[in-house]
C-alpha cells in the first residue's frame, strides 16, 4: 500500500500542478505592434487610407506587414465586432469593443470619441 501511494501521489500532484484553470486565453495586439498576417480582415477606406479590421482590432498595411492603429474617428462600419458591449454614457447609447466606441447611425455604426 505504501508503494502504491509513493507512485500514485506524485503522478496526481504533477498532473494537478501542470493543468491550468483558464479555458480560453485571448490576446489582442497592443498599439503599434506589427504582424505579418491578419485573420479574415474587413477592409474599410476612410480619408483615402485603407484600414483592415479583424476581431475589433484595427490595422494599416505597410509593405507586407500590418501595424495596429487606433480606430479612425468618423469611420462608418456596417457590423460591430464580436464581443461588443452596450454602454450608456451621459444618457447616450454606445457600443464598445477593445476600447473603441461606436454609435448607431441608421443601418451603420460610426467610430466616436467618448
PDB file of N, CA and C in Angstrom:
ATOM      1  N   UNK A   1       0.829  -1.203   0.000  1.00  0.00           N
ATOM      2  CA  UNK A   1       0.000   0.000   0.000  1.00  0.00           C
ATOM      3  C   UNK A   1       0.867   1.258   0.000  1.00  0.00           C
ATOM      4  N   UNK A   2       1.971   1.253   0.777  1.00  0.00           N
ATOM      5  CA  UNK A   2       2.855   2.409   0.819  1.00  0.00           C
ATOM      6  C   UNK A   2       3.497   2.650  -0.547  1.00  0.00           C
ATOM      7  N   UNK A   3       3.856   1.578  -1.229  1.00  0.00           N
ATOM      8  CA  UNK A   3       4.460   1.720  -2.549  1.00  0.00           C
ATOM      9  C   UNK A   3       3.461   2.316  -3.541  1.00  0.00           C
ATOM     10  N   UNK A   4       2.236   1.912  -3.436  1.00  0.00           N
ATOM     11  CA  UNK A   4       1.204   2.444  -4.327  1.00  0.00           C
ATOM     12  C   UNK A   4       1.023   3.943  -4.103  1.00  0.00           C
ATOM     13  N   UNK A   5       1.011   4.383  -2.849  1.00  0.00           N
ATOM     14  CA  UNK A   5       0.873   5.806  -2.529  1.00  0.00           C
ATOM     15  C   UNK A   5       2.091   6.573  -3.024  1.00  0.00           C
ATOM     16  N   UNK A   6       3.292   5.999  -2.886  1.00  0.00           N
ATOM     17  CA  UNK A   6       4.512   6.656  -3.349  1.00  0.00           C
ATOM     18  C   UNK A   6       4.515   6.836  -4.878  1.00  0.00           C
ATOM     19  N   UNK A   7       3.854   5.963  -5.583  1.00  0.00           N
ATOM     20  CA  UNK A   7       3.827   6.050  -7.038  1.00  0.00           C
ATOM     21  C   UNK A   7       2.671   6.933  -7.517  1.00  0.00           C
ATOM     22  N   UNK A   8       1.493   6.737  -6.962  1.00  0.00           N
ATOM     23  CA  UNK A   8       0.302   7.437  -7.435  1.00  0.00           C
ATOM     24  C   UNK A   8       0.287   8.902  -7.000  1.00  0.00           C
ATOM     25  N   UNK A   9       0.672   9.192  -5.780  1.00  0.00           N
ATOM     26  CA  UNK A   9       0.609  10.555  -5.251  1.00  0.00           C
ATOM     27  C   UNK A   9       1.442  11.538  -6.076  1.00  0.00           C
ATOM     28  N   UNK A  10       2.698  11.248  -6.398  1.00  0.00           N
ATOM     29  CA  UNK A  10       3.452  12.209  -7.229  1.00  0.00           C
ATOM     30  C   UNK A  10       2.837  12.407  -8.622  1.00  0.00           C
ATOM     31  N   UNK A  11       2.267  11.360  -9.204  1.00  0.00           N
ATOM     32  CA  UNK A  11       1.651  11.483 -10.519  1.00  0.00           C
ATOM     33  C   UNK A  11       0.426  12.396 -10.445  1.00  0.00           C
ATOM     34  N   UNK A  12      -0.393  12.209  -9.437  1.00  0.00           N
ATOM     35  CA  UNK A  12      -1.581  13.040  -9.262  1.00  0.00           C
ATOM     36  C   UNK A  12      -1.180  14.487  -8.992  1.00  0.00           C
ATOM     37  N   UNK A  13      -0.205  14.730  -8.131  1.00  0.00           N
ATOM     38  CA  UNK A  13       0.239  16.093  -7.846  1.00  0.00           C
ATOM     39  C   UNK A  13       0.826  16.758  -9.085  1.00  0.00           C
ATOM     40  N   UNK A  14       1.628  16.021  -9.843  1.00  0.00           N
ATOM     41  CA  UNK A  14       2.210  16.577 -11.060  1.00  0.00           C
ATOM     42  C   UNK A  14       1.111  16.962 -12.051  1.00  0.00           C
ATOM     43  N   UNK A  15       0.131  16.102 -12.222  1.00  0.00           N
ATOM     44  CA  UNK A  15      -0.975  16.397 -13.128  1.00  0.00           C
ATOM     45  C   UNK A  15      -1.783  17.592 -12.663  1.00  0.00           C
ATOM     46  N   UNK A  16      -2.013  17.696 -11.365  1.00  0.00           N
ATOM     47  CA  UNK A  16      -2.778  18.810 -10.811  1.00  0.00           C
ATOM     48  C   UNK A  16      -2.027  20.130 -10.970  1.00  0.00           C
ATOM     49  N   UNK A  17      -0.725  20.125 -10.747  1.00  0.00           N
ATOM     50  CA  UNK A  17       0.049  21.357 -10.800  1.00  0.00           C
ATOM     51  C   UNK A  17       0.332  21.836 -12.227  1.00  0.00           C
ATOM     52  N   UNK A  18       0.276  20.950 -13.198  1.00  0.00           N
ATOM     53  CA  UNK A  18       0.572  21.349 -14.566  1.00  0.00           C
ATOM     54  C   UNK A  18      -0.655  21.732 -15.367  1.00  0.00           C
ATOM     55  N   UNK A  19      -1.858  21.486 -14.852  1.00  0.00           N
ATOM     56  CA  UNK A  19      -3.059  21.884 -15.575  1.00  0.00           C
ATOM     57  C   UNK A  19      -3.408  23.319 -15.234  1.00  0.00           C
ATOM     58  N   UNK A  20      -4.110  23.958 -16.124  1.00  0.00           N
ATOM     59  CA  UNK A  20      -4.492  25.349 -15.943  1.00  0.00           C
ATOM     60  C   UNK A  20      -5.995  25.453 -15.751  1.00  0.00           C
ATOM     61  N   UNK A  21      -6.411  26.423 -14.980  1.00  0.00           N
ATOM     62  CA  UNK A  21      -7.836  26.670 -14.776  1.00  0.00           C
ATOM     63  C   UNK A  21      -8.414  27.500 -15.925  1.00  0.00           C
ATOM     64  N   UNK A  22      -7.557  28.185 -16.658  1.00  0.00           N
ATOM     65  CA  UNK A  22      -8.024  29.023 -17.761  1.00  0.00           C
ATOM     66  C   UNK A  22      -8.453  28.145 -18.928  1.00  0.00           C
ATOM     67  N   UNK A  23      -9.638  28.401 -19.426  1.00  0.00           N
ATOM     68  CA  UNK A  23     -10.119  27.626 -20.561  1.00  0.00           C
ATOM     69  C   UNK A  23      -9.875  28.350 -21.877  1.00  0.00           C
ATOM     70  N   UNK A  24      -9.915  29.677 -21.851  1.00  0.00           N
ATOM     71  CA  UNK A  24      -9.696  30.447 -23.065  1.00  0.00           C
ATOM     72  C   UNK A  24      -8.811  31.636 -22.746  1.00  0.00           C
ATOM     73  N   UNK A  25      -7.783  31.799 -23.539  1.00  0.00           N
ATOM     74  CA  UNK A  25      -6.907  32.949 -23.388  1.00  0.00           C
ATOM     75  C   UNK A  25      -6.976  33.740 -24.677  1.00  0.00           C
ATOM     76  N   UNK A  26      -7.342  34.990 -24.562  1.00  0.00           N
ATOM     77  CA  UNK A  26      -7.463  35.845 -25.751  1.00  0.00           C
ATOM     78  C   UNK A  26      -6.477  36.993 -25.618  1.00  0.00           C
ATOM     79  N   UNK A  27      -5.572  37.070 -26.548  1.00  0.00           N
ATOM     80  CA  UNK A  27      -4.559  38.118 -26.534  1.00  0.00           C
ATOM     81  C   UNK A  27      -4.813  39.038 -27.710  1.00  0.00           C
ATOM     82  N   UNK A  28      -4.905  40.310 -27.449  1.00  0.00           N
ATOM     83  CA  UNK A  28      -5.067  41.255 -28.550  1.00  0.00           C
ATOM     84  C   UNK A  28      -3.802  42.092 -28.641  1.00  0.00           C
ATOM     85  N   UNK A  29      -3.379  42.416 -29.858  1.00  0.00           N
ATOM     86  CA  UNK A  29      -2.148  43.167 -30.035  1.00  0.00           C
ATOM     87  C   UNK A  29      -2.251  44.576 -29.470  1.00  0.00           C
ATOM     88  N   UNK A  30      -1.156  45.058 -28.924  1.00  0.00           N
ATOM     89  CA  UNK A  30      -1.103  46.426 -28.417  1.00  0.00           C
ATOM     90  C   UNK A  30      -0.941  47.387 -29.587  1.00  0.00           C
ATOM     91  N   UNK A  31      -1.131  48.675 -29.341  1.00  0.00           N
ATOM     92  CA  UNK A  31      -0.994  49.675 -30.395  1.00  0.00           C
ATOM     93  C   UNK A  31       0.440  49.672 -30.932  1.00  0.00           C
ATOM     94  N   UNK A  32       0.562  49.719 -32.252  1.00  0.00           N
ATOM     95  CA  UNK A  32       1.871  49.801 -32.878  1.00  0.00           C
ATOM     96  C   UNK A  32       2.543  48.464 -33.126  1.00  0.00           C
ATOM     97  N   UNK A  33       1.928  47.384 -32.747  1.00  0.00           N
ATOM     98  CA  UNK A  33       2.512  46.066 -32.956  1.00  0.00           C
ATOM     99  C   UNK A  33       2.409  45.711 -34.434  1.00  0.00           C
ATOM    100  N   UNK A  34       3.474  45.116 -34.961  1.00  0.00           N
ATOM    101  CA  UNK A  34       3.500  44.727 -36.360  1.00  0.00           C
ATOM    102  C   UNK A  34       3.298  43.223 -36.461  1.00  0.00           C
ATOM    103  N   UNK A  35       2.321  42.820 -37.269  1.00  0.00           N
ATOM    104  CA  UNK A  35       2.060  41.403 -37.508  1.00  0.00           C
ATOM    105  C   UNK A  35       2.115  41.159 -39.008  1.00  0.00           C
ATOM    106  N   UNK A  36       2.385  39.915 -39.388  1.00  0.00           N
ATOM    107  CA  UNK A  36       2.519  39.613 -40.806  1.00  0.00           C
ATOM    108  C   UNK A  36       1.239  39.077 -41.418  1.00  0.00           C
ATOM    109  N   UNK A  37       0.299  38.634 -40.591  1.00  0.00           N
ATOM    110  CA  UNK A  37      -0.937  38.082 -41.128  1.00  0.00           C
ATOM    111  C   UNK A  37      -2.110  38.478 -40.236  1.00  0.00           C
ATOM    112  N   UNK A  38      -3.212  38.836 -40.870  1.00  0.00           N
ATOM    113  CA  UNK A  38      -4.441  39.192 -40.159  1.00  0.00           C
ATOM    114  C   UNK A  38      -5.517  38.222 -40.612  1.00  0.00           C
ATOM    115  N   UNK A  39      -6.233  37.643 -39.656  1.00  0.00           N
ATOM    116  CA  UNK A  39      -7.233  36.621 -39.948  1.00  0.00           C
ATOM    117  C   UNK A  39      -8.512  37.248 -40.490  1.00  0.00           C
ATOM    118  N   UNK A  40      -8.839  36.981 -41.740  1.00  0.00           N
ATOM    119  CA  UNK A  40     -10.050  37.445 -42.425  1.00  0.00           C
ATOM    120  C   UNK A  40     -10.357  38.927 -42.144  1.00  0.00           C
ATOM    121  N   UNK A  41      -9.497  39.841 -42.572  1.00  0.00           N
ATOM    122  CA  UNK A  41      -9.761  41.257 -42.287  1.00  0.00           C
ATOM    123  C   UNK A  41     -10.867  41.825 -43.179  1.00  0.00           C
ATOM    124  N   UNK A  42     -11.581  42.794 -42.632  1.00  0.00           N
ATOM    125  CA  UNK A  42     -12.550  43.558 -43.412  1.00  0.00           C
ATOM    126  C   UNK A  42     -11.878  44.874 -43.753  1.00  0.00           C
ATOM    127  N   UNK A  43     -11.944  45.256 -45.014  1.00  0.00           N
ATOM    128  CA  UNK A  43     -11.271  46.466 -45.480  1.00  0.00           C
ATOM    129  C   UNK A  43     -12.232  47.646 -45.378  1.00  0.00           C
ATOM    130  N   UNK A  44     -11.748  48.730 -44.788  1.00  0.00           N
ATOM    131  CA  UNK A  44     -12.524  49.959 -44.654  1.00  0.00           C
ATOM    132  C   UNK A  44     -11.653  51.100 -45.164  1.00  0.00           C
ATOM    133  N   UNK A  45     -12.164  51.870 -46.112  1.00  0.00           N
ATOM    134  CA  UNK A  45     -11.424  53.026 -46.634  1.00  0.00           C
ATOM    135  C   UNK A  45     -11.990  54.283 -45.990  1.00  0.00           C
ATOM    136  N   UNK A  46     -11.100  55.085 -45.384  1.00  0.00           N
ATOM    137  CA  UNK A  46     -11.512  56.324 -44.717  1.00  0.00           C
ATOM    138  C   UNK A  46     -10.450  57.377 -44.989  1.00  0.00           C
ATOM    139  N   UNK A  47     -10.842  58.505 -45.551  1.00  0.00           N
ATOM    140  CA  UNK A  47      -9.916  59.580 -45.921  1.00  0.00           C
ATOM    141  C   UNK A  47      -8.764  59.063 -46.784  1.00  0.00           C
ATOM    142  N   UNK A  48      -9.095  58.237 -47.766  1.00  0.00           N
ATOM    143  CA  UNK A  48      -8.137  57.651 -48.708  1.00  0.00           C
ATOM    144  C   UNK A  48      -7.076  56.770 -48.049  1.00  0.00           C
ATOM    145  N   UNK A  49      -7.353  56.247 -46.871  1.00  0.00           N
ATOM    146  CA  UNK A  49      -6.461  55.305 -46.193  1.00  0.00           C
ATOM    147  C   UNK A  49      -7.207  53.983 -46.049  1.00  0.00           C
ATOM    148  N   UNK A  50      -6.550  52.900 -46.420  1.00  0.00           N
ATOM    149  CA  UNK A  50      -7.147  51.570 -46.287  1.00  0.00           C
ATOM    150  C   UNK A  50      -6.852  51.025 -44.892  1.00  0.00           C
ATOM    151  N   UNK A  51      -7.903  50.798 -44.123  1.00  0.00           N
ATOM    152  CA  UNK A  51      -7.789  50.188 -42.798  1.00  0.00           C
ATOM    153  C   UNK A  51      -8.281  48.750 -42.892  1.00  0.00           C
ATOM    154  N   UNK A  52      -7.672  47.894 -42.112  1.00  0.00           N
ATOM    155  CA  UNK A  52      -8.067  46.492 -42.051  1.00  0.00           C
ATOM    156  C   UNK A  52      -8.550  46.232 -40.636  1.00  0.00           C
ATOM    157  N   UNK A  53      -9.716  45.599 -40.513  1.00  0.00           N
ATOM    158  CA  UNK A  53     -10.343  45.374 -39.212  1.00  0.00           C
ATOM    159  C   UNK A  53     -10.570  43.883 -39.024  1.00  0.00           C
ATOM    160  N   UNK A  54     -10.089  43.360 -37.895  1.00  0.00           N
ATOM    161  CA  UNK A  54     -10.261  41.941 -37.588  1.00  0.00           C
ATOM    162  C   UNK A  54     -10.415  41.776 -36.081  1.00  0.00           C
ATOM    163  N   UNK A  55     -11.520  41.157 -35.664  1.00  0.00           N
ATOM    164  CA  UNK A  55     -11.797  40.914 -34.247  1.00  0.00           C
ATOM    165  C   UNK A  55     -11.720  42.186 -33.405  1.00  0.00           C
ATOM    166  N   UNK A  56     -12.157  43.297 -33.944  1.00  0.00           N
ATOM    167  CA  UNK A  56     -12.190  44.542 -33.192  1.00  0.00           C
ATOM    168  C   UNK A  56     -10.862  45.277 -33.138  1.00  0.00           C
ATOM    169  N   UNK A  57      -9.830  44.767 -33.792  1.00  0.00           N
ATOM    170  CA  UNK A  57      -8.518  45.417 -33.823  1.00  0.00           C
ATOM    171  C   UNK A  57      -8.335  46.030 -35.200  1.00  0.00           C
ATOM    172  N   UNK A  58      -7.820  47.257 -35.249  1.00  0.00           N
ATOM    173  CA  UNK A  58      -7.642  47.998 -36.497  1.00  0.00           C
ATOM    174  C   UNK A  58      -6.185  47.981 -36.912  1.00  0.00           C
ATOM    175  N   UNK A  59      -5.943  47.806 -38.233  1.00  0.00           N
ATOM    176  CA  UNK A  59      -4.591  47.714 -38.771  1.00  0.00           C
ATOM    177  C   UNK A  59      -4.457  48.627 -39.986  1.00  0.00           C
ATOM    178  N   UNK A  60      -3.211  49.009 -40.289  1.00  0.00           N
ATOM    179  CA  UNK A  60      -2.845  49.672 -41.539  1.00  0.00           C
ATOM    180  C   UNK A  60      -1.749  48.817 -42.148  1.00  0.00           C
ATOM    181  N   UNK A  61      -1.849  48.552 -43.454  1.00  0.00           N
ATOM    182  CA  UNK A  61      -0.867  47.699 -44.120  1.00  0.00           C
ATOM    183  C   UNK A  61       0.276  48.557 -44.652  1.00  0.00           C
ATOM    184  N   UNK A  62       1.489  48.140 -44.347  1.00  0.00           N
ATOM    185  CA  UNK A  62       2.674  48.813 -44.848  1.00  0.00           C
ATOM    186  C   UNK A  62       3.636  47.742 -45.316  1.00  0.00           C
ATOM    187  N   UNK A  63       3.986  47.793 -46.598  1.00  0.00           N
ATOM    188  CA  UNK A  63       4.773  46.742 -47.249  1.00  0.00           C
ATOM    189  C   UNK A  63       4.008  45.430 -47.137  1.00  0.00           C
ATOM    190  N   UNK A  64       4.575  44.420 -46.492  1.00  0.00           N
ATOM    191  CA  UNK A  64       3.878  43.135 -46.363  1.00  0.00           C
ATOM    192  C   UNK A  64       3.454  42.861 -44.926  1.00  0.00           C
ATOM    193  N   UNK A  65       3.437  43.891 -44.088  1.00  0.00           N
ATOM    194  CA  UNK A  65       3.091  43.715 -42.683  1.00  0.00           C
ATOM    195  C   UNK A  65       1.912  44.617 -42.320  1.00  0.00           C
ATOM    196  N   UNK A  66       1.248  44.274 -41.232  1.00  0.00           N
ATOM    197  CA  UNK A  66       0.123  45.049 -40.718  1.00  0.00           C
ATOM    198  C   UNK A  66       0.536  45.652 -39.381  1.00  0.00           C
ATOM    199  N   UNK A  67       0.265  46.948 -39.200  1.00  0.00           N
ATOM    200  CA  UNK A  67       0.581  47.634 -37.948  1.00  0.00           C
ATOM    201  C   UNK A  67      -0.722  48.016 -37.265  1.00  0.00           C
ATOM    202  N   UNK A  68      -0.842  47.713 -35.987  1.00  0.00           N
ATOM    203  CA  UNK A  68      -2.061  48.057 -35.264  1.00  0.00           C
ATOM    204  C   UNK A  68      -2.111  49.567 -35.034  1.00  0.00           C
ATOM    205  N   UNK A  69      -3.308  50.116 -35.185  1.00  0.00           N
ATOM    206  CA  UNK A  69      -3.510  51.559 -35.018  1.00  0.00           C
ATOM    207  C   UNK A  69      -4.795  51.791 -34.244  1.00  0.00           C
ATOM    208  N   UNK A  70      -4.977  53.024 -33.797  1.00  0.00           N
ATOM    209  CA  UNK A  70      -6.235  53.394 -33.160  1.00  0.00           C
ATOM    210  C   UNK A  70      -7.314  53.468 -34.236  1.00  0.00           C
ATOM    211  N   UNK A  71      -8.516  53.151 -33.874  1.00  0.00           N
ATOM    212  CA  UNK A  71      -9.627  53.201 -34.825  1.00  0.00           C
ATOM    213  C   UNK A  71      -9.825  54.642 -35.283  1.00  0.00           C
ATOM    214  N   UNK A  72      -9.974  54.874 -36.577  1.00  0.00           N
ATOM    215  CA  UNK A  72     -10.148  56.236 -37.074  1.00  0.00           C
ATOM    216  C   UNK A  72     -11.524  56.793 -36.709  1.00  0.00           C
ATOM    217  N   UNK A  73     -11.539  57.913 -36.039  1.00  0.00           N
ATOM    218  CA  UNK A  73     -12.799  58.532 -35.621  1.00  0.00           C
ATOM    219  C   UNK A  73     -13.546  59.014 -36.859  1.00  0.00           C
ATOM    220  N   UNK A  74     -14.838  58.687 -36.926  1.00  0.00           N
ATOM    221  CA  UNK A  74     -15.680  59.104 -38.026  1.00  0.00           C
ATOM    222  C   UNK A  74     -15.891  58.041 -39.090  1.00  0.00           C
ATOM    223  N   UNK A  75     -15.163  56.932 -39.001  1.00  0.00           N
ATOM    224  CA  UNK A  75     -15.319  55.876 -39.995  1.00  0.00           C
ATOM    225  C   UNK A  75     -16.634  55.152 -39.766  1.00  0.00           C
ATOM    226  N   UNK A  76     -17.285  54.754 -40.862  1.00  0.00           N
ATOM    227  CA  UNK A  76     -18.555  54.024 -40.785  1.00  0.00           C
ATOM    228  C   UNK A  76     -18.315  52.553 -41.066  1.00  0.00           C
ATOM    229  N   UNK A  77     -18.949  51.695 -40.253  1.00  0.00           N
ATOM    230  CA  UNK A  77     -18.894  50.259 -40.482  1.00  0.00           C
ATOM    231  C   UNK A  77     -20.319  49.718 -40.446  1.00  0.00           C
ATOM    232  N   UNK A  78     -20.519  48.568 -41.077  1.00  0.00           N
ATOM    233  CA  UNK A  78     -21.881  48.017 -41.149  1.00  0.00           C
ATOM    234  C   UNK A  78     -22.151  46.990 -40.058  1.00  0.00           C
ATOM    235  N   UNK A  79     -21.107  46.349 -39.528  1.00  0.00           N
ATOM    236  CA  UNK A  79     -21.293  45.353 -38.473  1.00  0.00           C
ATOM    237  C   UNK A  79     -20.347  45.630 -37.319  1.00  0.00           C
ATOM    238  N   UNK A  80     -20.825  45.369 -36.123  1.00  0.00           N
ATOM    239  CA  UNK A  80     -19.995  45.530 -34.939  1.00  0.00           C
ATOM    240  C   UNK A  80     -19.104  44.303 -34.764  1.00  0.00           C
ATOM    241  N   UNK A  81     -17.938  44.468 -34.123  1.00  0.00           N
ATOM    242  CA  UNK A  81     -17.084  43.306 -33.885  1.00  0.00           C
ATOM    243  C   UNK A  81     -17.701  42.360 -32.863  1.00  0.00           C
ATOM    244  N   UNK A  82     -17.288  41.104 -32.920  1.00  0.00           N
ATOM    245  CA  UNK A  82     -17.784  40.118 -31.953  1.00  0.00           C
ATOM    246  C   UNK A  82     -17.343  40.523 -30.549  1.00  0.00           C
ATOM    247  N   UNK A  83     -18.213  40.294 -29.597  1.00  0.00           N
ATOM    248  CA  UNK A  83     -17.876  40.581 -28.208  1.00  0.00           C
ATOM    249  C   UNK A  83     -18.122  42.024 -27.790  1.00  0.00           C
ATOM    250  N   UNK A  84     -18.846  42.783 -28.589  1.00  0.00           N
ATOM    251  CA  UNK A  84     -19.124  44.176 -28.217  1.00  0.00           C
ATOM    252  C   UNK A  84     -20.069  44.222 -27.018  1.00  0.00           C
ATOM    253  N   UNK A  85     -20.048  45.346 -26.315  1.00  0.00           N
ATOM    254  CA  UNK A  85     -20.932  45.549 -25.169  1.00  0.00           C
ATOM    255  C   UNK A  85     -21.692  46.856 -25.367  1.00  0.00           C
ATOM    256  N   UNK A  86     -22.915  46.905 -24.851  1.00  0.00           N
ATOM    257  CA  UNK A  86     -23.733  48.111 -24.919  1.00  0.00           C
ATOM    258  C   UNK A  86     -23.514  48.891 -23.632  1.00  0.00           C
ATOM    259  N   UNK A  87     -23.186  50.182 -23.760  1.00  0.00           N
ATOM    260  CA  UNK A  87     -22.983  51.049 -22.598  1.00  0.00           C
ATOM    261  C   UNK A  87     -23.746  52.348 -22.799  1.00  0.00           C
ATOM    262  N   UNK A  88     -24.043  53.015 -21.702  1.00  0.00           N
ATOM    263  CA  UNK A  88     -24.681  54.335 -21.760  1.00  0.00           C
ATOM    264  C   UNK A  88     -23.740  55.330 -21.115  1.00  0.00           C
ATOM    265  N   UNK A  89     -23.454  56.396 -21.836  1.00  0.00           N
ATOM    266  CA  UNK A  89     -22.604  57.467 -21.339  1.00  0.00           C
ATOM    267  C   UNK A  89     -23.411  58.754 -21.421  1.00  0.00           C
ATOM    268  N   UNK A  90     -23.660  59.361 -20.272  1.00  0.00           N
ATOM    269  CA  UNK A  90     -24.462  60.590 -20.184  1.00  0.00           C
ATOM    270  C   UNK A  90     -25.781  60.460 -20.935  1.00  0.00           C
ATOM    271  N   UNK A  91     -26.403  59.286 -20.815  1.00  0.00           N
ATOM    272  CA  UNK A  91     -27.710  59.049 -21.399  1.00  0.00           C
ATOM    273  C   UNK A  91     -27.712  58.638 -22.864  1.00  0.00           C
ATOM    274  N   UNK A  92     -26.547  58.562 -23.497  1.00  0.00           N
ATOM    275  CA  UNK A  92     -26.462  58.171 -24.909  1.00  0.00           C
ATOM    276  C   UNK A  92     -25.979  56.730 -25.003  1.00  0.00           C
ATOM    277  N   UNK A  93     -26.608  55.973 -25.894  1.00  0.00           N
ATOM    278  CA  UNK A  93     -26.281  54.556 -26.059  1.00  0.00           C
ATOM    279  C   UNK A  93     -25.095  54.403 -27.019  1.00  0.00           C
ATOM    280  N   UNK A  94     -24.052  53.691 -26.560  1.00  0.00           N
ATOM    281  CA  UNK A  94     -22.880  53.404 -27.372  1.00  0.00           C
ATOM    282  C   UNK A  94     -22.620  51.901 -27.344  1.00  0.00           C
ATOM    283  N   UNK A  95     -21.837  51.451 -28.297  1.00  0.00           N
ATOM    284  CA  UNK A  95     -21.380  50.067 -28.352  1.00  0.00           C
ATOM    285  C   UNK A  95     -19.866  50.124 -28.245  1.00  0.00           C
ATOM    286  N   UNK A  96     -19.269  49.279 -27.412  1.00  0.00           N
ATOM    287  CA  UNK A  96     -17.824  49.336 -27.221  1.00  0.00           C
ATOM    288  C   UNK A  96     -17.195  47.960 -27.353  1.00  0.00           C
ATOM    289  N   UNK A  97     -15.988  47.947 -27.893  1.00  0.00           N
ATOM    290  CA  UNK A  97     -15.199  46.725 -28.020  1.00  0.00           C
ATOM    291  C   UNK A  97     -13.732  47.119 -28.100  1.00  0.00           C
ATOM    292  N   UNK A  98     -12.907  46.548 -27.261  1.00  0.00           N
ATOM    293  CA  UNK A  98     -11.463  46.816 -27.240  1.00  0.00           C
ATOM    294  C   UNK A  98     -11.138  48.304 -27.106  1.00  0.00           C
ATOM    295  N   UNK A  99     -11.931  49.022 -26.332  1.00  0.00           N
ATOM    296  CA  UNK A  99     -11.656  50.429 -26.096  1.00  0.00           C
ATOM    297  C   UNK A  99     -12.129  51.366 -27.188  1.00  0.00           C
ATOM    298  N   UNK A 100     -12.795  50.841 -28.200  1.00  0.00           N
ATOM    299  CA  UNK A 100     -13.324  51.656 -29.297  1.00  0.00           C
ATOM    300  C   UNK A 100     -14.827  51.802 -29.089  1.00  0.00           C
ATOM    301  N   UNK A 101     -15.327  53.035 -29.219  1.00  0.00           N
ATOM    302  CA  UNK A 101     -16.749  53.294 -29.044  1.00  0.00           C
ATOM    303  C   UNK A 101     -17.404  53.534 -30.403  1.00  0.00           C
ATOM    304  N   UNK A 102     -18.576  52.921 -30.584  1.00  0.00           N
ATOM    305  CA  UNK A 102     -19.346  53.043 -31.811  1.00  0.00           C
ATOM    306  C   UNK A 102     -20.721  53.607 -31.465  1.00  0.00           C
ATOM    307  N   UNK A 103     -21.256  54.453 -32.360  1.00  0.00           N
ATOM    308  CA  UNK A 103     -22.594  54.998 -32.186  1.00  0.00           C
ATOM    309  C   UNK A 103     -23.416  54.614 -33.412  1.00  0.00           C
ATOM    310  N   UNK A 104     -24.636  54.179 -33.180  1.00  0.00           N
ATOM    311  CA  UNK A 104     -25.504  53.762 -34.287  1.00  0.00           C
ATOM    312  C   UNK A 104     -25.965  54.990 -35.071  1.00  0.00           C
ATOM    313  N   UNK A 105     -25.923  54.840 -36.404  1.00  0.00           N
ATOM    314  CA  UNK A 105     -26.378  55.896 -37.295  1.00  0.00           C
ATOM    315  C   UNK A 105     -27.084  55.233 -38.470  1.00  0.00           C
ATOM    316  N   UNK A 106     -28.403  55.140 -38.392  1.00  0.00           N
ATOM    317  CA  UNK A 106     -29.166  54.439 -39.427  1.00  0.00           C
ATOM    318  C   UNK A 106     -28.879  52.951 -39.371  1.00  0.00           C
ATOM    319  N   UNK A 107     -28.409  52.393 -40.501  1.00  0.00           N
ATOM    320  CA  UNK A 107     -28.082  50.965 -40.548  1.00  0.00           C
ATOM    321  C   UNK A 107     -26.598  50.706 -40.323  1.00  0.00           C
ATOM    322  N   UNK A 108     -25.814  51.748 -40.016  1.00  0.00           N
ATOM    323  CA  UNK A 108     -24.383  51.567 -39.812  1.00  0.00           C
ATOM    324  C   UNK A 108     -23.974  52.097 -38.441  1.00  0.00           C
ATOM    325  N   UNK A 109     -22.694  51.991 -38.146  1.00  0.00           N
ATOM    326  CA  UNK A 109     -22.135  52.448 -36.869  1.00  0.00           C
ATOM    327  C   UNK A 109     -20.936  53.355 -37.165  1.00  0.00           C
ATOM    328  N   UNK A 110     -20.783  54.393 -36.356  1.00  0.00           N
ATOM    329  CA  UNK A 110     -19.699  55.358 -36.543  1.00  0.00           C
ATOM    330  C   UNK A 110     -18.767  55.265 -35.346  1.00  0.00           C
ATOM    331  N   UNK A 111     -17.453  55.274 -35.594  1.00  0.00           N
ATOM    332  CA  UNK A 111     -16.462  55.311 -34.521  1.00  0.00           C
ATOM    333  C   UNK A 111     -16.453  56.724 -33.964  1.00  0.00           C
ATOM    334  N   UNK A 112     -16.593  56.844 -32.631  1.00  0.00           N
ATOM    335  CA  UNK A 112     -16.661  58.162 -31.984  1.00  0.00           C
ATOM    336  C   UNK A 112     -15.714  58.223 -30.793  1.00  0.00           C
ATOM    337  N   UNK A 113     -15.384  59.445 -30.394  1.00  0.00           N
ATOM    338  CA  UNK A 113     -14.661  59.680 -29.143  1.00  0.00           C
ATOM    339  C   UNK A 113     -15.677  59.895 -28.032  1.00  0.00           C
ATOM    340  N   UNK A 114     -15.466  59.273 -26.900  1.00  0.00           N
ATOM    341  CA  UNK A 114     -16.386  59.452 -25.765  1.00  0.00           C
ATOM    342  C   UNK A 114     -15.607  60.020 -24.599  1.00  0.00           C
TER     343      UNK A 114
END
